[in-house]
Amino acid sequence: MFIPPKKAIAINAFTLIIIGVVAFMLKSSPTALIPAAFGVLLGICFLTYDKNNKVVAHICLVLMLLVFASLFMPLKTRIAANDFMGMCRVGLMQLVTLYAIVCFVRSFIEARRA
């Protein structure tokens, strides 16, 4: 049910980049590129991630927590504006980020037990 953390980083980075760029093209708002920038940072972390590299794993987790928390405000404004497609875009980014966070936390717990 849960994927390895490295795959979770890749999926999360890809999702943030694609949805951020698509939202920028649709809305022409430069703030739509903020999740894409976080996706690029996560992509860099993906390239440097190693199974035993705790520093990169914790940096990834902090970035994902920042993305997850910072997407609540755009979601709130999309709900207030009745922008269904915007709610779907932001909600999808949050769901994928939350799933990646859960995969990381589970990986940390398993590493602690071993």
N, C-alpha and C. Protein backbone atom coordinates (compact mmCIF):
# COMPACT_ATOMS: atom_id res chain seq x y z
N MET A 1 0.81 -1.19 0.00
CA MET A 1 0.00 0.00 0.00
C MET A 1 0.86 1.26 0.00
N PHE A 2 1.95 1.23 0.74
CA PHE A 2 2.84 2.39 0.77
C PHE A 2 4.04 2.13 -0.13
N ILE A 3 4.46 3.16 -0.82
CA ILE A 3 5.60 3.04 -1.72
C ILE A 3 6.86 3.50 -1.00
N PRO A 4 8.03 3.14 -1.52
CA PRO A 4 9.28 3.62 -0.91
C PRO A 4 9.37 5.14 -0.97
N PRO A 5 10.06 5.74 -0.01
CA PRO A 5 10.14 7.20 0.04
C PRO A 5 10.71 7.84 -1.23
N LYS A 6 11.68 7.18 -1.87
CA LYS A 6 12.26 7.79 -3.07
C LYS A 6 11.23 7.90 -4.18
N LYS A 7 10.39 6.89 -4.34
CA LYS A 7 9.33 6.97 -5.35
C LYS A 7 8.30 8.03 -4.95
N ALA A 8 8.04 8.15 -3.65
CA ALA A 8 7.09 9.16 -3.18
C ALA A 8 7.59 10.57 -3.50
N ILE A 9 8.91 10.78 -3.37
CA ILE A 9 9.48 12.08 -3.72
C ILE A 9 9.28 12.35 -5.21
N ALA A 10 9.56 11.36 -6.03
CA ALA A 10 9.45 11.53 -7.48
C ALA A 10 8.01 11.85 -7.89
N ILE A 11 7.06 11.12 -7.35
CA ILE A 11 5.66 11.34 -7.69
C ILE A 11 5.20 12.71 -7.22
N ASN A 12 5.61 13.08 -6.00
CA ASN A 12 5.23 14.38 -5.46
C ASN A 12 5.85 15.51 -6.27
N ALA A 13 7.12 15.41 -6.59
CA ALA A 13 7.79 16.45 -7.37
C ALA A 13 7.14 16.59 -8.75
N PHE A 14 6.90 15.46 -9.40
CA PHE A 14 6.29 15.48 -10.73
C PHE A 14 4.90 16.12 -10.67
N THR A 15 4.11 15.75 -9.69
CA THR A 15 2.75 16.31 -9.55
C THR A 15 2.79 17.81 -9.32
N LEU A 16 3.65 18.25 -8.41
CA LEU A 16 3.73 19.69 -8.12
C LEU A 16 4.19 20.48 -9.34
N ILE A 17 5.15 19.96 -10.07
CA ILE A 17 5.65 20.67 -11.25
C ILE A 17 4.58 20.73 -12.33
N ILE A 18 3.98 19.60 -12.65
CA ILE A 18 2.99 19.56 -13.74
C ILE A 18 1.78 20.43 -13.40
N ILE A 19 1.21 20.26 -12.21
CA ILE A 19 0.01 21.03 -11.86
C ILE A 19 0.33 22.51 -11.73
N GLY A 20 1.51 22.84 -11.19
CA GLY A 20 1.90 24.25 -11.08
C GLY A 20 2.05 24.91 -12.44
N VAL A 21 2.67 24.22 -13.38
CA VAL A 21 2.86 24.79 -14.72
C VAL A 21 1.52 24.89 -15.46
N VAL A 22 0.68 23.86 -15.32
CA VAL A 22 -0.64 23.91 -15.97
C VAL A 22 -1.47 25.05 -15.39
N ALA A 23 -1.45 25.21 -14.08
CA ALA A 23 -2.20 26.31 -13.45
C ALA A 23 -1.67 27.66 -13.91
N PHE A 24 -0.36 27.77 -14.07
CA PHE A 24 0.22 29.03 -14.57
C PHE A 24 -0.26 29.31 -15.99
N MET A 25 -0.30 28.28 -16.82
CA MET A 25 -0.76 28.48 -18.20
C MET A 25 -2.23 28.85 -18.26
N LEU A 26 -3.04 28.27 -17.36
CA LEU A 26 -4.47 28.57 -17.36
C LEU A 26 -4.79 29.93 -16.76
N LYS A 27 -4.14 30.28 -15.69
CA LYS A 27 -4.47 31.50 -14.96
C LYS A 27 -3.50 32.65 -15.19
N SER A 28 -2.33 32.39 -15.74
CA SER A 28 -1.28 33.40 -15.95
C SER A 28 -0.91 34.11 -14.66
N SER A 29 -0.97 33.39 -13.57
CA SER A 29 -0.61 33.96 -12.28
C SER A 29 0.75 33.39 -11.86
N PRO A 30 1.71 34.26 -11.59
CA PRO A 30 3.04 33.76 -11.22
C PRO A 30 3.04 32.99 -9.89
N THR A 31 2.05 33.21 -9.04
CA THR A 31 2.01 32.46 -7.78
C THR A 31 1.70 30.99 -8.00
N ALA A 32 1.17 30.65 -9.16
CA ALA A 32 0.91 29.24 -9.47
C ALA A 32 2.21 28.47 -9.66
N LEU A 33 3.30 29.18 -9.87
CA LEU A 33 4.60 28.52 -10.04
C LEU A 33 5.29 28.20 -8.72
N ILE A 34 4.75 28.66 -7.61
CA ILE A 34 5.36 28.37 -6.31
C ILE A 34 5.38 26.86 -6.04
N PRO A 35 4.26 26.13 -6.21
CA PRO A 35 4.35 24.68 -6.03
C PRO A 35 5.32 24.02 -7.01
N ALA A 36 5.41 24.56 -8.23
CA ALA A 36 6.35 24.02 -9.20
C ALA A 36 7.79 24.21 -8.72
N ALA A 37 8.07 25.35 -8.09
CA ALA A 37 9.41 25.59 -7.55
C ALA A 37 9.73 24.58 -6.44
N PHE A 38 8.75 24.31 -5.58
CA PHE A 38 8.95 23.29 -4.55
C PHE A 38 9.12 21.91 -5.19
N GLY A 39 8.43 21.67 -6.29
CA GLY A 39 8.59 20.42 -7.02
C GLY A 39 10.01 20.27 -7.57
N VAL A 40 10.57 21.37 -8.06
CA VAL A 40 11.95 21.33 -8.56
C VAL A 40 12.90 21.04 -7.40
N LEU A 41 12.68 21.67 -6.25
CA LEU A 41 13.53 21.40 -5.08
C LEU A 41 13.41 19.94 -4.65
N LEU A 42 12.20 19.40 -4.68
CA LEU A 42 12.03 17.99 -4.34
C LEU A 42 12.67 17.09 -5.39
N GLY A 43 12.64 17.52 -6.65
CA GLY A 43 13.32 16.77 -7.70
C GLY A 43 14.83 16.71 -7.48
N ILE A 44 15.39 17.82 -7.02
CA ILE A 44 16.82 17.84 -6.69
C ILE A 44 17.09 16.90 -5.51
N CYS A 45 16.20 16.93 -4.53
CA CYS A 45 16.34 16.00 -3.40
C CYS A 45 16.23 14.55 -3.87
N PHE A 46 15.36 14.30 -4.84
CA PHE A 46 15.21 12.95 -5.38
C PHE A 46 16.53 12.47 -5.99
N LEU A 47 17.20 13.37 -6.70
CA LEU A 47 18.46 12.99 -7.33
C LEU A 47 19.57 12.73 -6.32
N THR A 48 19.50 13.38 -5.16
CA THR A 48 20.55 13.22 -4.15
C THR A 48 20.14 12.25 -3.04
N TYR A 49 18.91 11.73 -3.11
CA TYR A 49 18.41 10.86 -2.05
C TYR A 49 19.07 9.49 -2.12
N ASP A 50 19.52 9.06 -0.97
CA ASP A 50 20.08 7.72 -0.82
C ASP A 50 19.38 7.10 0.39
N LYS A 51 19.29 5.79 0.42
CA LYS A 51 18.54 5.12 1.48
C LYS A 51 19.06 5.48 2.87
N ASN A 52 20.35 5.69 3.01
CA ASN A 52 20.93 5.96 4.32
C ASN A 52 21.21 7.44 4.56
N ASN A 53 20.82 8.30 3.66
CA ASN A 53 21.09 9.73 3.82
C ASN A 53 19.94 10.38 4.59
N LYS A 54 20.13 10.49 5.89
CA LYS A 54 19.07 11.02 6.77
C LYS A 54 18.85 12.51 6.57
N VAL A 55 19.91 13.24 6.24
CA VAL A 55 19.78 14.69 6.09
C VAL A 55 18.86 15.02 4.92
N VAL A 56 19.09 14.38 3.77
CA VAL A 56 18.25 14.64 2.59
C VAL A 56 16.82 14.20 2.86
N ALA A 57 16.64 13.09 3.56
CA ALA A 57 15.29 12.61 3.88
C ALA A 57 14.55 13.62 4.75
N HIS A 58 15.24 14.19 5.71
CA HIS A 58 14.59 15.18 6.57
C HIS A 58 14.33 16.49 5.83
N ILE A 59 15.22 16.87 4.94
CA ILE A 59 14.99 18.07 4.11
C ILE A 59 13.75 17.86 3.25
N CYS A 60 13.64 16.68 2.65
CA CYS A 60 12.46 16.37 1.84
C CYS A 60 11.18 16.46 2.67
N LEU A 61 11.23 15.90 3.85
CA LEU A 61 10.05 15.92 4.71
C LEU A 61 9.67 17.35 5.09
N VAL A 62 10.64 18.17 5.41
CA VAL A 62 10.35 19.57 5.75
C VAL A 62 9.75 20.30 4.55
N LEU A 63 10.32 20.08 3.35
CA LEU A 63 9.76 20.72 2.15
C LEU A 63 8.32 20.28 1.91
N MET A 64 8.06 18.99 2.08
CA MET A 64 6.70 18.49 1.87
C MET A 64 5.73 19.04 2.90
N LEU A 65 6.18 19.16 4.15
CA LEU A 65 5.32 19.76 5.17
C LEU A 65 5.01 21.22 4.85
N LEU A 66 6.02 21.95 4.36
CA LEU A 66 5.80 23.34 3.97
C LEU A 66 4.79 23.45 2.82
N VAL A 67 4.94 22.58 1.83
CA VAL A 67 4.01 22.59 0.70
C VAL A 67 2.60 22.27 1.17
N PHE A 68 2.48 21.22 1.98
CA PHE A 68 1.16 20.80 2.44
C PHE A 68 0.48 21.92 3.23
N ALA A 69 1.21 22.54 4.15
CA ALA A 69 0.62 23.60 4.96
C ALA A 69 0.31 24.85 4.14
N SER A 70 1.19 25.18 3.19
CA SER A 70 0.99 26.41 2.43
C SER A 70 -0.12 26.30 1.39
N LEU A 71 -0.57 25.10 1.08
CA LEU A 71 -1.65 24.96 0.10
C LEU A 71 -3.04 25.13 0.71
N PHE A 72 -3.13 25.30 2.01
CA PHE A 72 -4.45 25.50 2.62
C PHE A 72 -5.07 26.85 2.25
N MET A 73 -4.26 27.89 2.16
CA MET A 73 -4.79 29.21 1.82
C MET A 73 -5.33 29.25 0.39
N PRO A 74 -4.59 28.74 -0.61
CA PRO A 74 -5.17 28.71 -1.96
C PRO A 74 -6.44 27.86 -2.03
N LEU A 75 -6.48 26.79 -1.26
CA LEU A 75 -7.68 25.95 -1.25
C LEU A 75 -8.86 26.73 -0.68
N LYS A 76 -8.60 27.48 0.38
CA LYS A 76 -9.67 28.28 0.98
C LYS A 76 -10.19 29.35 0.02
N THR A 77 -9.30 29.99 -0.71
CA THR A 77 -9.74 31.02 -1.66
C THR A 77 -10.47 30.41 -2.85
N ARG A 78 -10.07 29.19 -3.27
CA ARG A 78 -10.77 28.51 -4.36
C ARG A 78 -12.18 28.11 -3.94
N ILE A 79 -12.33 27.69 -2.69
CA ILE A 79 -13.65 27.33 -2.18
C ILE A 79 -14.55 28.56 -2.13
N ALA A 80 -13.97 29.68 -1.65
CA ALA A 80 -14.76 30.92 -1.55
C ALA A 80 -15.17 31.44 -2.92
N ALA A 81 -14.34 31.20 -3.93
CA ALA A 81 -14.64 31.69 -5.28
C ALA A 81 -15.43 30.69 -6.11
N ASN A 82 -15.78 29.56 -5.53
CA ASN A 82 -16.48 28.48 -6.25
C ASN A 82 -15.73 28.04 -7.51
N ASP A 83 -14.42 27.99 -7.42
CA ASP A 83 -13.57 27.57 -8.53
C ASP A 83 -13.32 26.06 -8.38
N PHE A 84 -14.16 25.26 -9.03
CA PHE A 84 -14.09 23.81 -8.85
C PHE A 84 -12.77 23.24 -9.39
N MET A 85 -12.34 23.67 -10.57
CA MET A 85 -11.09 23.15 -11.12
C MET A 85 -9.90 23.56 -10.27
N GLY A 86 -9.93 24.76 -9.73
CA GLY A 86 -8.86 25.21 -8.83
C GLY A 86 -8.83 24.38 -7.56
N MET A 87 -10.02 24.06 -7.03
CA MET A 87 -10.09 23.21 -5.84
C MET A 87 -9.52 21.83 -6.15
N CYS A 88 -9.81 21.31 -7.33
CA CYS A 88 -9.29 19.99 -7.72
C CYS A 88 -7.77 20.02 -7.83
N ARG A 89 -7.23 21.07 -8.45
CA ARG A 89 -5.77 21.17 -8.61
C ARG A 89 -5.08 21.25 -7.25
N VAL A 90 -5.53 22.15 -6.41
CA VAL A 90 -4.90 22.33 -5.11
C VAL A 90 -5.13 21.10 -4.23
N GLY A 91 -6.33 20.55 -4.28
CA GLY A 91 -6.62 19.36 -3.48
C GLY A 91 -5.77 18.17 -3.90
N LEU A 92 -5.55 18.01 -5.21
CA LEU A 92 -4.72 16.91 -5.70
C LEU A 92 -3.27 17.09 -5.23
N MET A 93 -2.77 18.31 -5.30
CA MET A 93 -1.40 18.55 -4.82
C MET A 93 -1.30 18.23 -3.33
N GLN A 94 -2.32 18.62 -2.56
CA GLN A 94 -2.29 18.33 -1.13
C GLN A 94 -2.38 16.83 -0.85
N LEU A 95 -3.23 16.13 -1.57
CA LEU A 95 -3.35 14.69 -1.34
C LEU A 95 -2.07 13.94 -1.67
N VAL A 96 -1.46 14.28 -2.79
CA VAL A 96 -0.21 13.61 -3.17
C VAL A 96 0.89 13.94 -2.16
N THR A 97 0.95 15.19 -1.72
CA THR A 97 1.95 15.58 -0.73
C THR A 97 1.71 14.88 0.60
N LEU A 98 0.45 14.79 1.02
CA LEU A 98 0.14 14.10 2.27
C LEU A 98 0.52 12.62 2.18
N TYR A 99 0.25 11.99 1.04
CA TYR A 99 0.62 10.59 0.87
C TYR A 99 2.14 10.41 0.96
N ALA A 100 2.89 11.32 0.34
CA ALA A 100 4.36 11.25 0.40
C ALA A 100 4.84 11.45 1.84
N ILE A 101 4.21 12.34 2.58
CA ILE A 101 4.58 12.55 3.98
C ILE A 101 4.34 11.28 4.78
N VAL A 102 3.20 10.65 4.57
CA VAL A 102 2.88 9.41 5.29
C VAL A 102 3.90 8.32 4.94
N CYS A 103 4.28 8.22 3.68
CA CYS A 103 5.30 7.24 3.28
C CYS A 103 6.62 7.50 3.98
N PHE A 104 7.00 8.76 4.10
CA PHE A 104 8.25 9.09 4.78
C PHE A 104 8.17 8.79 6.27
N VAL A 105 7.09 9.18 6.91
CA VAL A 105 6.96 8.94 8.35
C VAL A 105 6.97 7.44 8.63
N ARG A 106 6.27 6.70 7.80
CA ARG A 106 6.27 5.24 7.96
C ARG A 106 7.69 4.67 7.79
N SER A 107 8.42 5.20 6.82
CA SER A 107 9.80 4.75 6.60
C SER A 107 10.68 5.09 7.81
N PHE A 108 10.48 6.28 8.40
CA PHE A 108 11.24 6.65 9.58
C PHE A 108 10.94 5.72 10.75
N ILE A 109 9.68 5.39 10.91
CA ILE A 109 9.28 4.48 12.00
C ILE A 109 9.89 3.10 11.80
N GLU A 110 9.86 2.58 10.57
CA GLU A 110 10.44 1.27 10.29
C GLU A 110 11.94 1.27 10.50
N ALA A 111 12.62 2.37 10.14
CA ALA A 111 14.06 2.46 10.34
C ALA A 111 14.40 2.52 11.82
N ARG A 112 13.54 3.13 12.60
CA ARG A 112 13.76 3.22 14.05
C ARG A 112 13.64 1.87 14.71
N ARG A 113 12.71 1.05 14.22
CA ARG A 113 12.50 -0.29 14.80
C ARG A 113 13.67 -1.22 14.48
N ALA A 114 14.28 -1.03 13.33
CA ALA A 114 15.36 -1.95 12.91
C ALA A 114 16.64 -1.71 13.65
